[in-house]
C-alpha atoms as a PDB file:
ATOM      1  CA  UNK A   1       0.000   0.000   0.000  1.00  0.00           C
ATOM      2  CA  UNK A   2       1.192   3.444  -0.828  1.00  0.00           C
ATOM      3  CA  UNK A   3      -0.156   6.971  -0.567  1.00  0.00           C
ATOM      4  CA  UNK A   4       0.652   9.038  -3.646  1.00  0.00           C
ATOM      5  CA  UNK A   5       1.011  12.802  -3.176  1.00  0.00           C
ATOM      6  CA  UNK A   6      -0.105  14.816  -6.205  1.00  0.00           C
ATOM      7  CA  UNK A   7       0.415  18.213  -4.617  1.00  0.00           C
ATOM      8  CA  UNK A   8       2.955  19.287  -7.237  1.00  0.00           C
ATOM      9  CA  UNK A   9       0.449  18.503  -9.999  1.00  0.00           C
ATOM     10  CA  UNK A  10      -2.297  20.530  -8.326  1.00  0.00           C
ATOM     11  CA  UNK A  11       0.098  23.419  -7.724  1.00  0.00           C
ATOM     12  CA  UNK A  12       1.118  23.392 -11.390  1.00  0.00           C
ATOM     13  CA  UNK A  13      -2.524  23.357 -12.482  1.00  0.00           C
ATOM     14  CA  UNK A  14      -3.211  26.387 -10.278  1.00  0.00           C
ATOM     15  CA  UNK A  15       0.087  28.072 -11.232  1.00  0.00           C
ATOM     16  CA  UNK A  16       1.106  28.417  -7.583  1.00  0.00           C
ATOM     17  CA  UNK A  17       4.767  28.393  -6.527  1.00  0.00           C
ATOM     18  CA  UNK A  18       6.097  26.538  -3.509  1.00  0.00           C
ATOM     19  CA  UNK A  19       7.131  29.825  -1.936  1.00  0.00           C
ATOM     20  CA  UNK A  20       3.654  31.299  -2.396  1.00  0.00           C
ATOM     21  CA  UNK A  21       1.836  28.248  -1.007  1.00  0.00           C
ATOM     22  CA  UNK A  22       4.195  27.800   1.941  1.00  0.00           C
ATOM     23  CA  UNK A  23       3.740  31.431   2.953  1.00  0.00           C
ATOM     24  CA  UNK A  24      -0.044  31.280   2.523  1.00  0.00           C
ATOM     25  CA  UNK A  25      -0.499  28.176   4.693  1.00  0.00           C
ATOM     26  CA  UNK A  26       2.154  28.999   7.277  1.00  0.00           C
ATOM     27  CA  UNK A  27       4.762  26.259   6.798  1.00  0.00           C
ATOM     28  CA  UNK A  28       8.352  26.387   5.628  1.00  0.00           C
ATOM     29  CA  UNK A  29       9.279  25.754   2.017  1.00  0.00           C
ATOM     30  CA  UNK A  30      11.439  22.858   3.248  1.00  0.00           C
ATOM     31  CA  UNK A  31       8.449  21.170   4.905  1.00  0.00           C
ATOM     32  CA  UNK A  32       6.297  21.802   1.842  1.00  0.00           C
ATOM     33  CA  UNK A  33       8.992  20.204  -0.316  1.00  0.00           C
ATOM     34  CA  UNK A  34       9.037  17.113   1.917  1.00  0.00           C
ATOM     35  CA  UNK A  35       5.253  16.901   1.685  1.00  0.00           C
ATOM     36  CA  UNK A  36       5.285  17.269  -2.115  1.00  0.00           C
ATOM     37  CA  UNK A  37       7.791  14.416  -2.393  1.00  0.00           C
ATOM     38  CA  UNK A  38       5.817  12.179  -0.043  1.00  0.00           C
ATOM     39  CA  UNK A  39       8.685  12.077   2.449  1.00  0.00           C
ATOM     40  CA  UNK A  40       6.506  12.718   5.507  1.00  0.00           C
ATOM     41  CA  UNK A  41       4.866  10.194   7.808  1.00  0.00           C
ATOM     42  CA  UNK A  42       1.760  12.281   8.241  1.00  0.00           C
ATOM     43  CA  UNK A  43       0.076  15.588   7.599  1.00  0.00           C
ATOM     44  CA  UNK A  44      -2.102  17.544   9.998  1.00  0.00           C
ATOM     45  CA  UNK A  45      -5.699  17.975   8.931  1.00  0.00           C
ATOM     46  CA  UNK A  46      -5.264  21.692   9.608  1.00  0.00           C
ATOM     47  CA  UNK A  47      -2.420  21.836   7.065  1.00  0.00           C
ATOM     48  CA  UNK A  48      -4.335  19.742   4.545  1.00  0.00           C
ATOM     49  CA  UNK A  49      -7.382  21.968   4.951  1.00  0.00           C
ATOM     50  CA  UNK A  50      -5.266  25.095   4.442  1.00  0.00           C
ATOM     51  CA  UNK A  51      -3.748  23.632   1.264  1.00  0.00           C
ATOM     52  CA  UNK A  52      -7.163  22.668  -0.091  1.00  0.00           C
ATOM     53  CA  UNK A  53      -8.606  26.061   0.778  1.00  0.00           C
ATOM     54  CA  UNK A  54      -5.778  27.927  -0.958  1.00  0.00           C
ATOM     55  CA  UNK A  55      -5.713  25.682  -4.049  1.00  0.00           C
ATOM     56  CA  UNK A  56      -9.523  25.397  -4.130  1.00  0.00           C
ATOM     57  CA  UNK A  57      -9.450  21.614  -4.315  1.00  0.00           C
ATOM     58  CA  UNK A  58     -10.413  18.515  -2.346  1.00  0.00           C
ATOM     59  CA  UNK A  59      -8.054  16.261  -0.333  1.00  0.00           C
ATOM     60  CA  UNK A  60      -8.589  13.554  -2.956  1.00  0.00           C
ATOM     61  CA  UNK A  61      -7.108  15.862  -5.570  1.00  0.00           C
ATOM     62  CA  UNK A  62      -3.859  15.883  -3.594  1.00  0.00           C
ATOM     63  CA  UNK A  63      -3.699  12.386  -2.076  1.00  0.00           C
ATOM     64  CA  UNK A  64      -4.320   9.038  -3.765  1.00  0.00           C
ATOM     65  CA  UNK A  65      -4.087   5.427  -2.585  1.00  0.00           C
ATOM     66  CA  UNK A  66      -2.186   2.812  -4.578  1.00  0.00           C
ATOM     67  CA  UNK A  67      -2.882  -0.787  -3.655  1.00  0.00           C
ATOM     68  CA  UNK A  68      -0.069  -3.334  -3.797  1.00  0.00           C
ATOM     69  CA  UNK A  69      -0.639  -6.004  -6.389  1.00  0.00           C
END
């Protein structure tokens, strides 16, 4: 099982830079980069909600589940 993070795709679709998003949601660019690459063990709902609010999307637009075959 794997969680796929499509945050970079959504940011590109909305033409939002990492710097802009990080500042808007109140996290560092370094932490945003880790999140975009899926290198985090978890994400706070508050952070996820802030991302979705800023990008005008749903959590499912950012996160996807990939089942092992």
